[in-house]
Amino acid sequence: MDENRPRPIDYIGPDVDYADRFAHVRRHRVRFAGGAEDTHWVITSGSGVPDVVILPWRDGHVGLAESYRYTVDEWLWEIPRGRDQSPASRTEAARELHEETRADQVELIDLNPIPLYTDSRLLDTGVAFFLAKLAPGCPYRVGEEIADVRWVRLAEAKRMILVGQIRDQFTVAALALAEWQELLH
């Protein structure tokens, strides 16, 4: 990437600014290279440190939880994810995994050394992905936001993606990152 390239969009100033413990929302006034002005929304998740996504892997199976997501008003099959309780992604991944599985002794493997953006048109917070190799028999917790838990083989997880049973982008990305690195064996 050429850092010396001229930027096609210049920041003019903030128009709207809102923040709480979950997000910081800004509407920026911008000017395009041709002179036209418009607005761009920028959302920072939580405190701005990367969110974490954890792919549970046990005995050749992916651990999926059926979680309720208020924003889309649906129950979705997905993997654990958490938001910036700790500025250290690995620490946060271990905390989030323990919260959902009660697993203490796991091997956490960093799947992406530089956090990935999930929607760079809107969100400026990255996401750190981890593979969690769990011991045989490690539980998964059903709780307030988790209705069901399933351990499925990789082929079944892929099928669930293709037929629309897994629609969570974080789950799809984590599976792809782990498989491309040949870690799911």
N, C-alpha and C. Protein backbone atom coordinates (compact mmCIF):
# COMPACT_ATOMS: atom_id res chain seq x y z
N MET A 1 0.84 -1.16 0.00
CA MET A 1 0.00 0.00 0.00
C MET A 1 0.89 1.24 0.00
N ASP A 2 0.62 2.19 -0.87
CA ASP A 2 1.39 3.41 -0.99
C ASP A 2 0.83 4.46 -0.03
N GLU A 3 1.55 4.70 1.07
CA GLU A 3 1.10 5.66 2.09
C GLU A 3 1.19 7.10 1.59
N ASN A 4 1.94 7.35 0.50
CA ASN A 4 2.11 8.71 -0.02
C ASN A 4 1.04 9.10 -1.04
N ARG A 5 0.17 8.17 -1.37
CA ARG A 5 -0.91 8.48 -2.30
C ARG A 5 -1.83 9.55 -1.73
N PRO A 6 -2.31 10.46 -2.56
CA PRO A 6 -3.27 11.45 -2.03
C PRO A 6 -4.57 10.77 -1.62
N ARG A 7 -5.15 11.25 -0.53
CA ARG A 7 -6.42 10.70 -0.05
C ARG A 7 -7.55 11.29 -0.88
N PRO A 8 -8.48 10.46 -1.38
CA PRO A 8 -9.58 10.97 -2.19
C PRO A 8 -10.69 11.63 -1.37
N ILE A 9 -10.61 11.51 -0.03
CA ILE A 9 -11.62 12.10 0.84
C ILE A 9 -10.90 12.83 1.97
N ASP A 10 -11.26 14.09 2.20
CA ASP A 10 -10.67 14.87 3.28
C ASP A 10 -11.70 15.15 4.36
N TYR A 11 -11.26 15.07 5.59
CA TYR A 11 -12.08 15.36 6.76
C TYR A 11 -12.25 16.88 6.87
N ILE A 12 -13.50 17.33 6.99
CA ILE A 12 -13.77 18.75 7.19
C ILE A 12 -14.03 19.02 8.67
N GLY A 13 -14.83 18.17 9.29
CA GLY A 13 -15.12 18.36 10.70
C GLY A 13 -16.23 17.44 11.16
N PRO A 14 -16.37 17.31 12.49
CA PRO A 14 -17.44 16.45 13.00
C PRO A 14 -18.79 17.15 12.88
N ASP A 15 -19.81 16.37 12.67
CA ASP A 15 -21.16 16.90 12.58
C ASP A 15 -21.98 16.40 13.77
N VAL A 16 -21.80 15.12 14.10
CA VAL A 16 -22.52 14.50 15.21
C VAL A 16 -21.52 13.65 15.97
N ASP A 17 -21.62 13.64 17.28
CA ASP A 17 -20.73 12.83 18.10
C ASP A 17 -21.55 12.26 19.25
N TYR A 18 -21.53 10.93 19.39
CA TYR A 18 -22.26 10.25 20.47
C TYR A 18 -21.40 9.12 20.98
N ALA A 19 -21.38 8.91 22.28
CA ALA A 19 -20.60 7.80 22.82
C ALA A 19 -21.26 7.25 24.07
N ASP A 20 -21.15 5.94 24.23
CA ASP A 20 -21.50 5.27 25.48
C ASP A 20 -20.50 4.13 25.63
N ARG A 21 -20.74 3.21 26.56
CA ARG A 21 -19.74 2.15 26.79
C ARG A 21 -19.69 1.13 25.67
N PHE A 22 -20.67 1.11 24.78
CA PHE A 22 -20.71 0.13 23.71
C PHE A 22 -20.13 0.64 22.39
N ALA A 23 -20.24 1.95 22.15
CA ALA A 23 -19.79 2.47 20.85
C ALA A 23 -19.58 3.97 20.92
N HIS A 24 -18.75 4.43 20.00
CA HIS A 24 -18.57 5.86 19.77
C HIS A 24 -18.97 6.08 18.32
N VAL A 25 -19.99 6.90 18.09
CA VAL A 25 -20.53 7.13 16.75
C VAL A 25 -20.22 8.57 16.35
N ARG A 26 -19.63 8.71 15.17
CA ARG A 26 -19.32 10.04 14.65
C ARG A 26 -19.84 10.17 13.22
N ARG A 27 -20.41 11.30 12.93
CA ARG A 27 -20.77 11.62 11.54
C ARG A 27 -19.85 12.75 11.13
N HIS A 28 -18.95 12.45 10.20
CA HIS A 28 -17.95 13.42 9.75
C HIS A 28 -18.41 14.11 8.48
N ARG A 29 -18.16 15.39 8.44
CA ARG A 29 -18.33 16.11 7.17
C ARG A 29 -17.04 15.89 6.39
N VAL A 30 -17.17 15.54 5.11
CA VAL A 30 -16.00 15.25 4.28
C VAL A 30 -16.11 15.97 2.94
N ARG A 31 -14.95 16.12 2.30
CA ARG A 31 -14.90 16.71 0.96
C ARG A 31 -14.17 15.72 0.05
N PHE A 32 -14.79 15.41 -1.08
CA PHE A 32 -14.20 14.50 -2.06
C PHE A 32 -13.23 15.26 -2.95
N ALA A 33 -12.37 14.54 -3.65
CA ALA A 33 -11.33 15.14 -4.50
C ALA A 33 -11.93 16.12 -5.52
N GLY A 34 -13.12 15.85 -6.00
CA GLY A 34 -13.77 16.73 -6.99
C GLY A 34 -14.41 17.95 -6.37
N GLY A 35 -14.38 18.08 -5.04
CA GLY A 35 -14.93 19.26 -4.38
C GLY A 35 -16.28 19.05 -3.73
N ALA A 36 -16.98 17.97 -4.06
CA ALA A 36 -18.30 17.72 -3.46
C ALA A 36 -18.15 17.40 -1.98
N GLU A 37 -19.13 17.83 -1.18
CA GLU A 37 -19.12 17.54 0.24
C GLU A 37 -20.25 16.58 0.59
N ASP A 38 -20.01 15.77 1.61
CA ASP A 38 -21.01 14.78 2.05
C ASP A 38 -20.69 14.42 3.49
N THR A 39 -21.31 13.36 3.99
CA THR A 39 -21.02 12.88 5.34
C THR A 39 -20.59 11.43 5.29
N HIS A 40 -19.78 11.05 6.26
CA HIS A 40 -19.37 9.66 6.45
C HIS A 40 -19.60 9.32 7.92
N TRP A 41 -20.18 8.15 8.17
CA TRP A 41 -20.36 7.66 9.53
C TRP A 41 -19.15 6.83 9.90
N VAL A 42 -18.68 6.99 11.13
CA VAL A 42 -17.58 6.20 11.66
C VAL A 42 -18.00 5.70 13.03
N ILE A 43 -17.94 4.38 13.24
CA ILE A 43 -18.32 3.79 14.52
C ILE A 43 -17.12 3.04 15.08
N THR A 44 -16.81 3.34 16.34
CA THR A 44 -15.77 2.63 17.07
C THR A 44 -16.47 1.74 18.08
N SER A 45 -16.18 0.46 18.05
CA SER A 45 -16.78 -0.49 18.98
C SER A 45 -16.13 -0.36 20.34
N GLY A 46 -16.94 -0.24 21.38
CA GLY A 46 -16.43 -0.19 22.74
C GLY A 46 -15.36 0.86 22.92
N SER A 47 -14.22 0.46 23.48
CA SER A 47 -13.14 1.41 23.73
C SER A 47 -12.18 1.53 22.56
N GLY A 48 -12.42 0.79 21.49
CA GLY A 48 -11.58 0.88 20.31
C GLY A 48 -10.52 -0.20 20.18
N VAL A 49 -10.33 -1.01 21.24
CA VAL A 49 -9.40 -2.13 21.10
C VAL A 49 -10.09 -3.23 20.31
N PRO A 50 -9.33 -4.09 19.64
CA PRO A 50 -9.97 -5.11 18.80
C PRO A 50 -10.93 -6.02 19.57
N ASP A 51 -12.06 -6.30 18.95
CA ASP A 51 -12.95 -7.34 19.46
C ASP A 51 -12.27 -8.68 19.23
N VAL A 52 -12.73 -9.72 19.91
CA VAL A 52 -12.14 -11.04 19.73
C VAL A 52 -13.20 -12.05 19.30
N VAL A 53 -12.78 -12.98 18.46
CA VAL A 53 -13.62 -14.08 18.00
C VAL A 53 -12.83 -15.36 18.26
N ILE A 54 -13.50 -16.35 18.86
CA ILE A 54 -12.81 -17.57 19.26
C ILE A 54 -13.49 -18.78 18.62
N LEU A 55 -12.73 -19.56 17.85
CA LEU A 55 -13.24 -20.76 17.21
C LEU A 55 -12.93 -21.96 18.11
N PRO A 56 -13.93 -22.49 18.83
CA PRO A 56 -13.70 -23.67 19.67
C PRO A 56 -13.51 -24.92 18.80
N TRP A 57 -12.45 -25.67 19.07
CA TRP A 57 -12.14 -26.89 18.30
C TRP A 57 -11.84 -27.99 19.29
N ARG A 58 -12.61 -29.09 19.22
CA ARG A 58 -12.46 -30.20 20.16
C ARG A 58 -12.72 -31.51 19.45
N ASP A 59 -11.79 -32.43 19.53
CA ASP A 59 -11.97 -33.77 18.95
C ASP A 59 -12.43 -33.73 17.49
N GLY A 60 -11.87 -32.82 16.68
CA GLY A 60 -12.25 -32.73 15.27
C GLY A 60 -13.59 -32.08 15.02
N HIS A 61 -14.13 -31.38 16.00
CA HIS A 61 -15.44 -30.72 15.88
C HIS A 61 -15.35 -29.24 16.21
N VAL A 62 -16.20 -28.46 15.55
CA VAL A 62 -16.35 -27.02 15.82
C VAL A 62 -17.46 -26.85 16.84
N GLY A 63 -17.23 -26.02 17.84
CA GLY A 63 -18.25 -25.73 18.84
C GLY A 63 -19.08 -24.54 18.42
N LEU A 64 -20.38 -24.77 18.20
CA LEU A 64 -21.30 -23.71 17.80
C LEU A 64 -22.31 -23.47 18.91
N ALA A 65 -22.67 -22.21 19.09
CA ALA A 65 -23.71 -21.85 20.05
C ALA A 65 -24.83 -21.15 19.30
N GLU A 66 -26.06 -21.49 19.64
CA GLU A 66 -27.20 -20.79 19.05
C GLU A 66 -27.50 -19.60 19.97
N SER A 67 -27.12 -18.41 19.51
CA SER A 67 -27.20 -17.19 20.32
C SER A 67 -28.24 -16.23 19.76
N TYR A 68 -28.92 -15.55 20.66
CA TYR A 68 -29.89 -14.54 20.25
C TYR A 68 -29.16 -13.23 19.99
N ARG A 69 -29.40 -12.64 18.81
CA ARG A 69 -28.81 -11.35 18.45
C ARG A 69 -29.95 -10.35 18.28
N TYR A 70 -30.03 -9.44 19.23
CA TYR A 70 -31.11 -8.45 19.27
C TYR A 70 -31.18 -7.62 17.99
N THR A 71 -30.03 -7.20 17.47
CA THR A 71 -30.00 -6.31 16.30
C THR A 71 -30.75 -6.88 15.12
N VAL A 72 -30.64 -8.18 14.88
CA VAL A 72 -31.34 -8.80 13.75
C VAL A 72 -32.56 -9.59 14.21
N ASP A 73 -32.81 -9.62 15.54
CA ASP A 73 -33.95 -10.32 16.13
C ASP A 73 -34.03 -11.77 15.66
N GLU A 74 -32.89 -12.45 15.76
CA GLU A 74 -32.82 -13.85 15.34
C GLU A 74 -31.89 -14.64 16.25
N TRP A 75 -32.12 -15.94 16.30
CA TRP A 75 -31.19 -16.88 16.92
C TRP A 75 -30.25 -17.33 15.82
N LEU A 76 -28.93 -17.19 16.04
CA LEU A 76 -27.94 -17.52 15.03
C LEU A 76 -26.93 -18.54 15.57
N TRP A 77 -26.54 -19.49 14.72
CA TRP A 77 -25.46 -20.40 15.06
C TRP A 77 -24.15 -19.64 14.84
N GLU A 78 -23.33 -19.58 15.89
CA GLU A 78 -22.09 -18.82 15.81
C GLU A 78 -21.10 -19.33 16.84
N ILE A 79 -19.91 -18.73 16.81
CA ILE A 79 -18.87 -19.07 17.77
C ILE A 79 -18.73 -17.91 18.76
N PRO A 80 -18.06 -18.14 19.91
CA PRO A 80 -17.94 -17.07 20.90
C PRO A 80 -17.20 -15.84 20.37
N ARG A 81 -17.66 -14.70 20.83
CA ARG A 81 -16.95 -13.46 20.54
C ARG A 81 -17.15 -12.51 21.71
N GLY A 82 -16.21 -11.60 21.86
CA GLY A 82 -16.27 -10.69 22.99
C GLY A 82 -15.74 -9.33 22.62
N ARG A 83 -15.95 -8.41 23.53
CA ARG A 83 -15.60 -7.03 23.27
C ARG A 83 -14.78 -6.48 24.41
N ASP A 84 -13.63 -6.03 24.12
CA ASP A 84 -12.69 -5.23 24.89
C ASP A 84 -12.89 -5.11 26.40
N GLN A 85 -12.94 -6.22 27.09
CA GLN A 85 -12.86 -6.16 28.55
C GLN A 85 -11.41 -5.97 28.95
N SER A 86 -10.51 -6.34 28.07
CA SER A 86 -9.08 -6.24 28.33
C SER A 86 -8.40 -5.72 27.06
N PRO A 87 -7.40 -4.86 27.19
CA PRO A 87 -6.72 -4.37 25.99
C PRO A 87 -5.86 -5.44 25.32
N ALA A 88 -5.61 -6.54 25.99
CA ALA A 88 -4.81 -7.63 25.40
C ALA A 88 -5.77 -8.64 24.78
N SER A 89 -5.72 -8.78 23.47
CA SER A 89 -6.66 -9.65 22.76
C SER A 89 -6.63 -11.09 23.26
N ARG A 90 -5.44 -11.63 23.50
CA ARG A 90 -5.32 -13.02 23.96
C ARG A 90 -5.98 -13.18 25.33
N THR A 91 -5.80 -12.22 26.21
CA THR A 91 -6.43 -12.26 27.53
C THR A 91 -7.94 -12.21 27.40
N GLU A 92 -8.42 -11.34 26.54
CA GLU A 92 -9.87 -11.22 26.32
C GLU A 92 -10.43 -12.49 25.70
N ALA A 93 -9.70 -13.10 24.77
CA ALA A 93 -10.15 -14.35 24.14
C ALA A 93 -10.29 -15.45 25.18
N ALA A 94 -9.30 -15.57 26.06
CA ALA A 94 -9.35 -16.58 27.12
C ALA A 94 -10.51 -16.32 28.07
N ARG A 95 -10.74 -15.05 28.43
CA ARG A 95 -11.85 -14.70 29.32
C ARG A 95 -13.19 -15.03 28.69
N GLU A 96 -13.37 -14.64 27.44
CA GLU A 96 -14.64 -14.88 26.74
C GLU A 96 -14.88 -16.38 26.58
N LEU A 97 -13.85 -17.13 26.22
CA LEU A 97 -14.00 -18.57 26.06
C LEU A 97 -14.38 -19.22 27.39
N HIS A 98 -13.74 -18.80 28.47
CA HIS A 98 -14.06 -19.35 29.79
C HIS A 98 -15.51 -19.02 30.16
N GLU A 99 -15.93 -17.81 29.85
CA GLU A 99 -17.31 -17.39 30.15
C GLU A 99 -18.33 -18.32 29.49
N GLU A 100 -18.05 -18.73 28.25
CA GLU A 100 -19.02 -19.53 27.52
C GLU A 100 -18.81 -21.03 27.66
N THR A 101 -17.58 -21.46 27.94
CA THR A 101 -17.34 -22.91 27.97
C THR A 101 -16.86 -23.42 29.32
N ARG A 102 -16.43 -22.53 30.18
CA ARG A 102 -15.80 -22.86 31.47
C ARG A 102 -14.44 -23.53 31.27
N ALA A 103 -13.89 -23.45 30.08
CA ALA A 103 -12.57 -24.05 29.79
C ALA A 103 -11.47 -23.17 30.35
N ASP A 104 -10.55 -23.79 31.09
CA ASP A 104 -9.40 -23.06 31.63
C ASP A 104 -8.12 -23.44 30.91
N GLN A 105 -7.97 -24.70 30.61
CA GLN A 105 -6.75 -25.19 29.97
C GLN A 105 -7.01 -25.38 28.48
N VAL A 106 -6.68 -24.35 27.71
CA VAL A 106 -6.86 -24.43 26.26
C VAL A 106 -5.60 -23.90 25.58
N GLU A 107 -5.40 -24.36 24.37
CA GLU A 107 -4.32 -23.83 23.55
C GLU A 107 -4.95 -22.78 22.63
N LEU A 108 -4.60 -21.51 22.81
CA LEU A 108 -5.11 -20.44 21.96
C LEU A 108 -4.10 -20.14 20.86
N ILE A 109 -4.55 -20.19 19.62
CA ILE A 109 -3.70 -19.91 18.47
C ILE A 109 -4.23 -18.67 17.78
N ASP A 110 -3.37 -17.68 17.62
CA ASP A 110 -3.73 -16.43 16.95
C ASP A 110 -3.88 -16.71 15.45
N LEU A 111 -5.06 -16.45 14.91
CA LEU A 111 -5.32 -16.73 13.50
C LEU A 111 -4.98 -15.56 12.58
N ASN A 112 -4.87 -14.36 13.12
CA ASN A 112 -4.52 -13.19 12.30
C ASN A 112 -3.68 -12.23 13.14
N PRO A 113 -2.42 -12.04 12.78
CA PRO A 113 -1.54 -11.19 13.59
C PRO A 113 -1.95 -9.71 13.58
N ILE A 114 -2.63 -9.26 12.55
CA ILE A 114 -3.12 -7.88 12.47
C ILE A 114 -4.65 -7.96 12.43
N PRO A 115 -5.34 -7.26 13.35
CA PRO A 115 -6.80 -7.34 13.37
C PRO A 115 -7.42 -7.00 12.01
N LEU A 116 -8.46 -7.76 11.65
CA LEU A 116 -9.17 -7.56 10.40
C LEU A 116 -10.35 -6.62 10.62
N TYR A 117 -10.70 -5.85 9.60
CA TYR A 117 -11.88 -4.99 9.67
C TYR A 117 -13.09 -5.76 9.14
N THR A 118 -14.21 -5.64 9.84
CA THR A 118 -15.41 -6.36 9.41
C THR A 118 -16.27 -5.54 8.46
N ASP A 119 -16.21 -4.23 8.57
CA ASP A 119 -16.95 -3.35 7.66
C ASP A 119 -16.21 -2.02 7.63
N SER A 120 -15.19 -1.93 6.79
CA SER A 120 -14.32 -0.75 6.78
C SER A 120 -15.00 0.49 6.22
N ARG A 121 -16.22 0.36 5.73
CA ARG A 121 -16.98 1.54 5.30
C ARG A 121 -17.58 2.26 6.51
N LEU A 122 -17.72 1.54 7.63
CA LEU A 122 -18.45 2.08 8.77
C LEU A 122 -17.71 1.92 10.10
N LEU A 123 -17.10 0.77 10.31
CA LEU A 123 -16.47 0.44 11.59
C LEU A 123 -14.96 0.60 11.52
N ASP A 124 -14.38 1.29 12.52
CA ASP A 124 -12.92 1.44 12.51
C ASP A 124 -12.23 0.54 13.53
N THR A 125 -12.97 -0.36 14.15
CA THR A 125 -12.42 -1.28 15.13
C THR A 125 -12.12 -2.62 14.46
N GLY A 126 -10.94 -3.15 14.70
CA GLY A 126 -10.57 -4.43 14.12
C GLY A 126 -11.06 -5.60 14.97
N VAL A 127 -10.86 -6.80 14.43
CA VAL A 127 -11.26 -8.03 15.11
C VAL A 127 -10.08 -8.98 15.09
N ALA A 128 -9.76 -9.54 16.27
CA ALA A 128 -8.71 -10.53 16.39
C ALA A 128 -9.36 -11.92 16.47
N PHE A 129 -8.91 -12.84 15.65
CA PHE A 129 -9.47 -14.19 15.59
C PHE A 129 -8.51 -15.18 16.24
N PHE A 130 -9.07 -16.11 17.01
CA PHE A 130 -8.28 -17.15 17.66
C PHE A 130 -8.92 -18.51 17.44
N LEU A 131 -8.07 -19.54 17.36
CA LEU A 131 -8.51 -20.93 17.41
C LEU A 131 -8.25 -21.40 18.83
N ALA A 132 -9.25 -22.00 19.45
CA ALA A 132 -9.09 -22.53 20.81
C ALA A 132 -9.17 -24.04 20.74
N LYS A 133 -8.04 -24.70 20.93
CA LYS A 133 -8.01 -26.16 20.96
C LYS A 133 -8.36 -26.59 22.38
N LEU A 134 -9.52 -27.22 22.51
CA LEU A 134 -10.05 -27.61 23.81
C LEU A 134 -9.78 -29.07 24.10
N ALA A 135 -9.69 -29.39 25.36
CA ALA A 135 -9.50 -30.78 25.79
C ALA A 135 -10.77 -31.58 25.50
N PRO A 136 -10.64 -32.90 25.26
CA PRO A 136 -11.82 -33.73 25.05
C PRO A 136 -12.80 -33.59 26.21
N GLY A 137 -14.08 -33.50 25.88
CA GLY A 137 -15.13 -33.42 26.89
C GLY A 137 -15.34 -32.04 27.48
N CYS A 138 -14.60 -31.04 27.01
CA CYS A 138 -14.78 -29.69 27.53
C CYS A 138 -16.21 -29.23 27.26
N PRO A 139 -16.90 -28.67 28.25
CA PRO A 139 -18.30 -28.30 28.08
C PRO A 139 -18.49 -26.99 27.32
N TYR A 140 -19.71 -26.74 26.98
CA TYR A 140 -20.14 -25.47 26.41
C TYR A 140 -21.34 -25.10 27.24
N ARG A 141 -21.49 -23.87 27.63
CA ARG A 141 -22.51 -23.45 28.57
C ARG A 141 -23.74 -22.91 27.85
N VAL A 142 -24.91 -23.40 28.21
CA VAL A 142 -26.17 -22.82 27.75
C VAL A 142 -26.58 -21.81 28.80
N GLY A 143 -26.87 -20.57 28.37
CA GLY A 143 -27.20 -19.52 29.33
C GLY A 143 -28.26 -18.59 28.78
N GLU A 144 -28.27 -17.36 29.30
CA GLU A 144 -29.28 -16.38 28.93
C GLU A 144 -29.39 -16.16 27.44
N GLU A 145 -28.26 -15.96 26.78
CA GLU A 145 -28.27 -15.65 25.36
C GLU A 145 -27.94 -16.86 24.49
N ILE A 146 -27.72 -18.01 25.09
CA ILE A 146 -27.38 -19.22 24.34
C ILE A 146 -28.46 -20.26 24.59
N ALA A 147 -29.16 -20.62 23.51
CA ALA A 147 -30.27 -21.57 23.64
C ALA A 147 -29.81 -23.01 23.47
N ASP A 148 -28.80 -23.22 22.63
CA ASP A 148 -28.38 -24.58 22.32
C ASP A 148 -26.90 -24.56 21.94
N VAL A 149 -26.27 -25.70 22.04
CA VAL A 149 -24.87 -25.88 21.69
C VAL A 149 -24.75 -27.11 20.82
N ARG A 150 -23.89 -27.02 19.84
CA ARG A 150 -23.67 -28.15 18.94
C ARG A 150 -22.19 -28.27 18.63
N TRP A 151 -21.66 -29.48 18.67
CA TRP A 151 -20.31 -29.76 18.19
C TRP A 151 -20.47 -30.46 16.87
N VAL A 152 -19.99 -29.84 15.78
CA VAL A 152 -20.16 -30.40 14.44
C VAL A 152 -18.81 -30.57 13.76
N ARG A 153 -18.73 -31.56 12.90
CA ARG A 153 -17.52 -31.76 12.10
C ARG A 153 -17.37 -30.59 11.13
N LEU A 154 -16.15 -30.37 10.67
CA LEU A 154 -15.87 -29.26 9.75
C LEU A 154 -16.76 -29.33 8.51
N ALA A 155 -16.93 -30.51 7.93
CA ALA A 155 -17.76 -30.66 6.74
C ALA A 155 -19.20 -30.21 7.02
N GLU A 156 -19.71 -30.52 8.21
CA GLU A 156 -21.07 -30.10 8.57
C GLU A 156 -21.14 -28.59 8.74
N ALA A 157 -20.12 -27.99 9.33
CA ALA A 157 -20.10 -26.53 9.48
C ALA A 157 -20.11 -25.86 8.11
N LYS A 158 -19.33 -26.39 7.17
CA LYS A 158 -19.32 -25.84 5.81
C LYS A 158 -20.69 -25.97 5.16
N ARG A 159 -21.34 -27.13 5.35
CA ARG A 159 -22.67 -27.34 4.79
C ARG A 159 -23.66 -26.34 5.39
N MET A 160 -23.56 -26.12 6.70
CA MET A 160 -24.45 -25.18 7.37
C MET A 160 -24.28 -23.76 6.82
N ILE A 161 -23.04 -23.40 6.45
CA ILE A 161 -22.80 -22.08 5.84
C ILE A 161 -23.49 -22.02 4.48
N LEU A 162 -23.27 -23.05 3.67
CA LEU A 162 -23.79 -23.04 2.30
C LEU A 162 -25.31 -23.06 2.22
N VAL A 163 -25.98 -23.65 3.20
CA VAL A 163 -27.45 -23.70 3.17
C VAL A 163 -28.08 -22.61 4.04
N GLY A 164 -27.26 -21.71 4.58
CA GLY A 164 -27.80 -20.58 5.32
C GLY A 164 -28.11 -20.84 6.78
N GLN A 165 -27.61 -21.93 7.34
CA GLN A 165 -27.83 -22.19 8.77
C GLN A 165 -26.81 -21.46 9.63
N ILE A 166 -25.63 -21.18 9.09
CA ILE A 166 -24.65 -20.31 9.73
C ILE A 166 -24.57 -19.06 8.87
N ARG A 167 -24.96 -17.93 9.46
CA ARG A 167 -24.98 -16.67 8.72
C ARG A 167 -24.16 -15.59 9.39
N ASP A 168 -23.40 -15.95 10.39
CA ASP A 168 -22.57 -15.02 11.14
C ASP A 168 -21.21 -14.89 10.45
N GLN A 169 -20.86 -13.68 10.03
CA GLN A 169 -19.62 -13.46 9.28
C GLN A 169 -18.37 -13.81 10.08
N PHE A 170 -18.42 -13.63 11.40
CA PHE A 170 -17.26 -13.94 12.22
C PHE A 170 -16.99 -15.45 12.22
N THR A 171 -18.03 -16.24 12.29
CA THR A 171 -17.88 -17.69 12.27
C THR A 171 -17.30 -18.15 10.94
N VAL A 172 -17.83 -17.60 9.85
CA VAL A 172 -17.34 -17.95 8.51
C VAL A 172 -15.87 -17.56 8.37
N ALA A 173 -15.51 -16.35 8.81
CA ALA A 173 -14.13 -15.88 8.68
C ALA A 173 -13.17 -16.72 9.54
N ALA A 174 -13.57 -17.03 10.77
CA ALA A 174 -12.70 -17.83 11.64
C ALA A 174 -12.45 -19.22 11.05
N LEU A 175 -13.50 -19.84 10.54
CA LEU A 175 -13.35 -21.16 9.91
C LEU A 175 -12.41 -21.07 8.72
N ALA A 176 -12.56 -20.04 7.89
CA ALA A 176 -11.70 -19.89 6.72
C ALA A 176 -10.25 -19.66 7.15
N LEU A 177 -10.01 -18.77 8.11
CA LEU A 177 -8.65 -18.50 8.56
C LEU A 177 -7.97 -19.75 9.11
N ALA A 178 -8.70 -20.51 9.92
CA ALA A 178 -8.13 -21.73 10.52
C ALA A 178 -7.88 -22.80 9.46
N GLU A 179 -8.81 -22.93 8.54
CA GLU A 179 -8.64 -23.96 7.50
C GLU A 179 -7.51 -23.59 6.54
N TRP A 180 -7.42 -22.34 6.15
CA TRP A 180 -6.35 -21.91 5.23
C TRP A 180 -4.98 -22.14 5.85
N GLN A 181 -4.89 -22.09 7.16
CA GLN A 181 -3.62 -22.33 7.83
C GLN A 181 -3.44 -23.80 8.21
N GLU A 182 -4.38 -24.64 7.76
CA GLU A 182 -4.35 -26.08 7.98
C GLU A 182 -4.24 -26.44 9.46
N LEU A 183 -5.04 -25.74 10.28
CA LEU A 183 -5.02 -25.97 11.72
C LEU A 183 -6.17 -26.88 12.19
N LEU A 184 -7.09 -27.18 11.31
CA LEU A 184 -8.26 -27.99 11.70
C LEU A 184 -8.04 -29.44 11.30
N HIS A 185 -7.28 -30.14 12.10
CA HIS A 185 -7.00 -31.56 11.82
C HIS A 185 -7.11 -32.35 13.09
